[in-house]
PDB file of N, CA and C in Angstrom:
ATOM      1  N   UNK A   1      69.155 231.939  28.669  1.00  0.00           N
ATOM      2  CA  UNK A   1      70.071 233.056  28.748  1.00  0.00           C
ATOM      3  C   UNK A   1      70.954 233.055  27.507  1.00  0.00           C
ATOM      4  N   UNK A   2      71.510 234.182  27.175  1.00  0.00           N
ATOM      5  CA  UNK A   2      72.330 234.323  25.978  1.00  0.00           C
ATOM      6  C   UNK A   2      73.679 233.640  26.091  1.00  0.00           C
ATOM      7  N   UNK A   3      74.482 233.827  25.089  1.00  0.00           N
ATOM      8  CA  UNK A   3      75.810 233.227  25.064  1.00  0.00           C
ATOM      9  C   UNK A   3      76.832 234.300  24.776  1.00  0.00           C
ATOM     10  N   UNK A   4      78.077 233.908  24.639  1.00  0.00           N
ATOM     11  CA  UNK A   4      79.133 234.868  24.347  1.00  0.00           C
ATOM     12  C   UNK A   4      78.997 235.410  22.932  1.00  0.00           C
ATOM     13  N   UNK A   5      79.299 236.683  22.775  1.00  0.00           N
ATOM     14  CA  UNK A   5      79.284 237.298  21.453  1.00  0.00           C
ATOM     15  C   UNK A   5      80.407 236.730  20.595  1.00  0.00           C
ATOM     16  N   UNK A   6      80.183 236.675  19.316  1.00  0.00           N
ATOM     17  CA  UNK A   6      81.243 236.336  18.378  1.00  0.00           C
ATOM     18  C   UNK A   6      81.960 237.633  18.049  1.00  0.00           C
ATOM     19  N   UNK A   7      83.247 237.662  18.281  1.00  0.00           N
ATOM     20  CA  UNK A   7      84.010 238.899  18.136  1.00  0.00           C
ATOM     21  C   UNK A   7      85.255 238.660  17.312  1.00  0.00           C
ATOM     22  N   UNK A   8      85.823 239.731  16.794  1.00  0.00           N
ATOM     23  CA  UNK A   8      87.039 239.644  16.006  1.00  0.00           C
ATOM     24  C   UNK A   8      88.023 240.703  16.480  1.00  0.00           C
ATOM     25  N   UNK A   9      89.264 240.313  16.702  1.00  0.00           N
ATOM     26  CA  UNK A   9      90.303 241.258  17.086  1.00  0.00           C
ATOM     27  C   UNK A   9      90.329 241.580  18.565  1.00  0.00           C
ATOM     28  N   UNK A  10      89.456 240.959  19.348  1.00  0.00           N
ATOM     29  CA  UNK A  10      89.405 241.226  20.784  1.00  0.00           C
ATOM     30  C   UNK A  10      89.834 239.972  21.539  1.00  0.00           C
ATOM     31  N   UNK A  11      90.674 240.191  22.529  1.00  0.00           N
ATOM     32  CA  UNK A  11      91.127 239.111  23.403  1.00  0.00           C
ATOM     33  C   UNK A  11      90.694 239.482  24.816  1.00  0.00           C
ATOM     34  N   UNK A  12      90.066 238.550  25.520  1.00  0.00           N
ATOM     35  CA  UNK A  12      89.621 238.843  26.875  1.00  0.00           C
ATOM     36  C   UNK A  12      89.863 237.639  27.779  1.00  0.00           C
ATOM     37  N   UNK A  13      89.971 237.939  29.064  1.00  0.00           N
ATOM     38  CA  UNK A  13      90.123 236.897  30.066  1.00  0.00           C
ATOM     39  C   UNK A  13      89.073 237.138  31.138  1.00  0.00           C
ATOM     40  N   UNK A  14      88.460 236.066  31.605  1.00  0.00           N
ATOM     41  CA  UNK A  14      87.446 236.196  32.638  1.00  0.00           C
ATOM     42  C   UNK A  14      87.633 235.113  33.691  1.00  0.00           C
ATOM     43  N   UNK A  15      87.075 235.366  34.856  1.00  0.00           N
ATOM     44  CA  UNK A  15      87.115 234.421  35.964  1.00  0.00           C
ATOM     45  C   UNK A  15      85.746 234.462  36.632  1.00  0.00           C
ATOM     46  N   UNK A  16      84.980 233.400  36.490  1.00  0.00           N
ATOM     47  CA  UNK A  16      83.614 233.369  37.008  1.00  0.00           C
ATOM     48  C   UNK A  16      83.554 233.399  38.527  1.00  0.00           C
ATOM     49  N   UNK A  17      84.687 233.196  39.197  1.00  0.00           N
ATOM     50  CA  UNK A  17      84.700 233.220  40.661  1.00  0.00           C
ATOM     51  C   UNK A  17      84.993 234.605  41.218  1.00  0.00           C
ATOM     52  N   UNK A  18      85.293 235.570  40.352  1.00  0.00           N
ATOM     53  CA  UNK A  18      85.646 236.914  40.798  1.00  0.00           C
ATOM     54  C   UNK A  18      84.608 237.943  40.361  1.00  0.00           C
ATOM     55  N   UNK A  19      84.638 239.095  41.027  1.00  0.00           N
ATOM     56  CA  UNK A  19      83.810 240.238  40.649  1.00  0.00           C
ATOM     57  C   UNK A  19      84.713 241.441  40.526  1.00  0.00           C
ATOM     58  N   UNK A  20      84.798 242.097  39.378  1.00  0.00           N
ATOM     59  CA  UNK A  20      84.083 241.752  38.145  1.00  0.00           C
ATOM     60  C   UNK A  20      84.650 240.487  37.504  1.00  0.00           C
ATOM     61  N   UNK A  21      83.837 239.842  36.727  1.00  0.00           N
ATOM     62  CA  UNK A  21      84.244 238.590  36.079  1.00  0.00           C
ATOM     63  C   UNK A  21      85.280 238.813  34.990  1.00  0.00           C
ATOM     64  N   UNK A  22      85.137 239.913  34.248  1.00  0.00           N
ATOM     65  CA  UNK A  22      86.093 240.220  33.181  1.00  0.00           C
ATOM     66  C   UNK A  22      87.378 240.742  33.825  1.00  0.00           C
ATOM     67  N   UNK A  23      88.477 240.073  33.551  1.00  0.00           N
ATOM     68  CA  UNK A  23      89.755 240.433  34.156  1.00  0.00           C
ATOM     69  C   UNK A  23      90.605 241.322  33.254  1.00  0.00           C
ATOM     70  N   UNK A  24      90.501 241.129  31.942  1.00  0.00           N
ATOM     71  CA  UNK A  24      91.254 241.964  31.004  1.00  0.00           C
ATOM     72  C   UNK A  24      90.612 241.896  29.631  1.00  0.00           C
ATOM     73  N   UNK A  25      90.768 242.989  28.863  1.00  0.00           N
ATOM     74  CA  UNK A  25      90.265 243.055  27.490  1.00  0.00           C
ATOM     75  C   UNK A  25      91.298 243.795  26.654  1.00  0.00           C
ATOM     76  N   UNK A  26      91.645 243.211  25.513  1.00  0.00           N
ATOM     77  CA  UNK A  26      92.575 243.845  24.571  1.00  0.00           C
ATOM     78  C   UNK A  26      91.940 243.869  23.191  1.00  0.00           C
ATOM     79  N   UNK A  27      92.207 244.914  22.456  1.00  0.00           N
ATOM     80  CA  UNK A  27      91.790 245.018  21.060  1.00  0.00           C
ATOM     81  C   UNK A  27      93.041 245.211  20.230  1.00  0.00           C
ATOM     82  N   UNK A  28      93.293 244.281  19.309  1.00  0.00           N
ATOM     83  CA  UNK A  28      94.513 244.277  18.486  1.00  0.00           C
ATOM     84  C   UNK A  28      95.766 244.402  19.340  1.00  0.00           C
ATOM     85  N   UNK A  29      95.772 243.708  20.487  1.00  0.00           N
ATOM     86  CA  UNK A  29      96.937 243.669  21.357  1.00  0.00           C
ATOM     87  C   UNK A  29      97.089 244.846  22.300  1.00  0.00           C
ATOM     88  N   UNK A  30      96.152 245.789  22.275  1.00  0.00           N
ATOM     89  CA  UNK A  30      96.225 246.985  23.128  1.00  0.00           C
ATOM     90  C   UNK A  30      95.108 246.909  24.170  1.00  0.00           C
ATOM     91  N   UNK A  31      95.426 247.049  25.463  1.00  0.00           N
ATOM     92  CA  UNK A  31      94.375 247.018  26.487  1.00  0.00           C
ATOM     93  C   UNK A  31      93.355 248.130  26.278  1.00  0.00           C
ATOM     94  N   UNK A  32      92.087 247.824  26.513  1.00  0.00           N
ATOM     95  CA  UNK A  32      91.052 248.847  26.433  1.00  0.00           C
ATOM     96  C   UNK A  32      91.222 249.833  27.579  1.00  0.00           C
ATOM     97  N   UNK A  33      90.898 251.073  27.322  1.00  0.00           N
ATOM     98  CA  UNK A  33      90.951 252.138  28.314  1.00  0.00           C
ATOM     99  C   UNK A  33      89.616 252.156  29.054  1.00  0.00           C
ATOM    100  N   UNK A  34      89.623 251.865  30.352  1.00  0.00           N
ATOM    101  CA  UNK A  34      88.371 251.770  31.108  1.00  0.00           C
ATOM    102  C   UNK A  34      87.687 253.125  31.277  1.00  0.00           C
ATOM    103  N   UNK A  35      88.398 254.213  31.015  1.00  0.00           N
ATOM    104  CA  UNK A  35      87.810 255.550  31.147  1.00  0.00           C
ATOM    105  C   UNK A  35      87.283 256.094  29.826  1.00  0.00           C
ATOM    106  N   UNK A  36      87.284 255.285  28.783  1.00  0.00           N
ATOM    107  CA  UNK A  36      86.866 255.714  27.459  1.00  0.00           C
ATOM    108  C   UNK A  36      85.583 254.983  27.048  1.00  0.00           C
ATOM    109  N   UNK A  37      84.769 255.639  26.244  1.00  0.00           N
ATOM    110  CA  UNK A  37      83.597 254.996  25.659  1.00  0.00           C
ATOM    111  C   UNK A  37      83.961 254.539  24.260  1.00  0.00           C
ATOM    112  N   UNK A  38      83.488 253.357  23.872  1.00  0.00           N
ATOM    113  CA  UNK A  38      83.766 252.797  22.556  1.00  0.00           C
ATOM    114  C   UNK A  38      82.457 252.633  21.793  1.00  0.00           C
ATOM    115  N   UNK A  39      82.523 252.749  20.484  1.00  0.00           N
ATOM    116  CA  UNK A  39      81.369 252.532  19.619  1.00  0.00           C
ATOM    117  C   UNK A  39      81.407 251.094  19.123  1.00  0.00           C
ATOM    118  N   UNK A  40      80.284 250.421  19.214  1.00  0.00           N
ATOM    119  CA  UNK A  40      80.182 249.044  18.743  1.00  0.00           C
ATOM    120  C   UNK A  40      78.969 248.909  17.838  1.00  0.00           C
ATOM    121  N   UNK A  41      78.972 247.897  17.011  1.00  0.00           N
ATOM    122  CA  UNK A  41      77.835 247.588  16.149  1.00  0.00           C
ATOM    123  C   UNK A  41      77.320 246.210  16.529  1.00  0.00           C
ATOM    124  N   UNK A  42      76.006 246.102  16.632  1.00  0.00           N
ATOM    125  CA  UNK A  42      75.396 244.821  16.946  1.00  0.00           C
ATOM    126  C   UNK A  42      73.968 244.810  16.432  1.00  0.00           C
ATOM    127  N   UNK A  43      73.392 243.628  16.311  1.00  0.00           N
ATOM    128  CA  UNK A  43      72.027 243.534  15.813  1.00  0.00           C
ATOM    129  C   UNK A  43      71.042 244.245  16.739  1.00  0.00           C
ATOM    130  N   UNK A  44      69.985 244.780  16.168  1.00  0.00           N
ATOM    131  CA  UNK A  44      69.012 245.540  16.954  1.00  0.00           C
ATOM    132  C   UNK A  44      68.378 244.700  18.061  1.00  0.00           C
ATOM    133  N   UNK A  45      68.159 243.410  17.823  1.00  0.00           N
ATOM    134  CA  UNK A  45      67.546 242.599  18.887  1.00  0.00           C
ATOM    135  C   UNK A  45      68.440 242.534  20.115  1.00  0.00           C
ATOM    136  N   UNK A  46      69.735 242.541  19.936  1.00  0.00           N
ATOM    137  CA  UNK A  46      70.648 242.554  21.085  1.00  0.00           C
ATOM    138  C   UNK A  46      70.702 243.949  21.709  1.00  0.00           C
ATOM    139  N   UNK A  47      70.712 244.984  20.867  1.00  0.00           N
ATOM    140  CA  UNK A  47      70.735 246.358  21.371  1.00  0.00           C
ATOM    141  C   UNK A  47      69.492 246.659  22.201  1.00  0.00           C
ATOM    142  N   UNK A  48      68.412 245.949  21.923  1.00  0.00           N
ATOM    143  CA  UNK A  48      67.172 246.126  22.676  1.00  0.00           C
ATOM    144  C   UNK A  48      67.064 245.175  23.867  1.00  0.00           C
ATOM    145  N   UNK A  49      68.159 244.467  24.176  1.00  0.00           N
ATOM    146  CA  UNK A  49      68.214 243.659  25.382  1.00  0.00           C
ATOM    147  C   UNK A  49      67.928 242.185  25.238  1.00  0.00           C
ATOM    148  N   UNK A  50      67.707 241.710  24.036  1.00  0.00           N
ATOM    149  CA  UNK A  50      67.399 240.290  23.857  1.00  0.00           C
ATOM    150  C   UNK A  50      68.643 239.425  24.069  1.00  0.00           C
ATOM    151  N   UNK A  51      68.418 238.144  24.203  1.00  0.00           N
ATOM    152  CA  UNK A  51      69.481 237.145  24.311  1.00  0.00           C
ATOM    153  C   UNK A  51      70.356 237.351  25.551  1.00  0.00           C
ATOM    154  N   UNK A  52      69.778 237.947  26.605  1.00  0.00           N
ATOM    155  CA  UNK A  52      70.518 238.124  27.849  1.00  0.00           C
ATOM    156  C   UNK A  52      71.358 239.385  27.930  1.00  0.00           C
ATOM    157  N   UNK A  53      71.208 240.293  26.967  1.00  0.00           N
ATOM    158  CA  UNK A  53      72.014 241.514  26.940  1.00  0.00           C
ATOM    159  C   UNK A  53      71.190 242.732  27.368  1.00  0.00           C
ATOM    160  N   UNK A  54      70.398 242.577  28.398  1.00  0.00           N
ATOM    161  CA  UNK A  54      69.542 243.641  28.907  1.00  0.00           C
ATOM    162  C   UNK A  54      70.334 244.886  29.302  1.00  0.00           C
ATOM    163  N   UNK A  55      71.558 244.701  29.792  1.00  0.00           N
ATOM    164  CA  UNK A  55      72.381 245.833  30.234  1.00  0.00           C
ATOM    165  C   UNK A  55      72.721 246.799  29.101  1.00  0.00           C
ATOM    166  N   UNK A  56      72.688 246.352  27.858  1.00  0.00           N
ATOM    167  CA  UNK A  56      73.068 247.193  26.719  1.00  0.00           C
ATOM    168  C   UNK A  56      72.040 248.307  26.484  1.00  0.00           C
ATOM    169  N   UNK A  57      70.790 248.089  26.893  1.00  0.00           N
ATOM    170  CA  UNK A  57      69.731 249.077  26.651  1.00  0.00           C
ATOM    171  C   UNK A  57      70.033 250.440  27.274  1.00  0.00           C
ATOM    172  N   UNK A  58      70.854 250.478  28.310  1.00  0.00           N
ATOM    173  CA  UNK A  58      71.132 251.741  29.009  1.00  0.00           C
ATOM    174  C   UNK A  58      72.044 252.681  28.216  1.00  0.00           C
ATOM    175  N   UNK A  59      72.718 252.178  27.194  1.00  0.00           N
ATOM    176  CA  UNK A  59      73.671 253.003  26.464  1.00  0.00           C
ATOM    177  C   UNK A  59      73.025 253.701  25.270  1.00  0.00           C
ATOM    178  N   UNK A  60      73.625 254.787  24.873  1.00  0.00           N
ATOM    179  CA  UNK A  60      73.110 255.603  23.774  1.00  0.00           C
ATOM    180  C   UNK A  60      73.172 254.861  22.455  1.00  0.00           C
ATOM    181  N   UNK A  61      72.091 254.957  21.695  1.00  0.00           N
ATOM    182  CA  UNK A  61      72.066 254.401  20.355  1.00  0.00           C
ATOM    183  C   UNK A  61      72.324 255.539  19.374  1.00  0.00           C
ATOM    184  N   UNK A  62      73.302 255.348  18.507  1.00  0.00           N
ATOM    185  CA  UNK A  62      73.624 256.376  17.514  1.00  0.00           C
ATOM    186  C   UNK A  62      72.710 256.228  16.305  1.00  0.00           C
ATOM    187  N   UNK A  63      72.470 254.988  15.887  1.00  0.00           N
ATOM    188  CA  UNK A  63      71.577 254.689  14.769  1.00  0.00           C
ATOM    189  C   UNK A  63      70.638 253.595  15.245  1.00  0.00           C
ATOM    190  N   UNK A  64      69.365 253.791  15.025  1.00  0.00           N
ATOM    191  CA  UNK A  64      68.397 252.791  15.448  1.00  0.00           C
ATOM    192  C   UNK A  64      67.820 252.088  14.229  1.00  0.00           C
TER     193      UNK A  64
END
């Protein structure tokens, strides 16, 4: 199975005993808006579901 992404400027807290596991996410000190879509960049192998990121395949790809 995959591992955690290497990220910059994002702070998150998780609890493996709870659902959902992710408890909070901040970008540059500002909480993410759960009702908003964000654009991210990642390697194509991850965008295609490799390394345990199968859930990412469901989202729209802007550039392939």
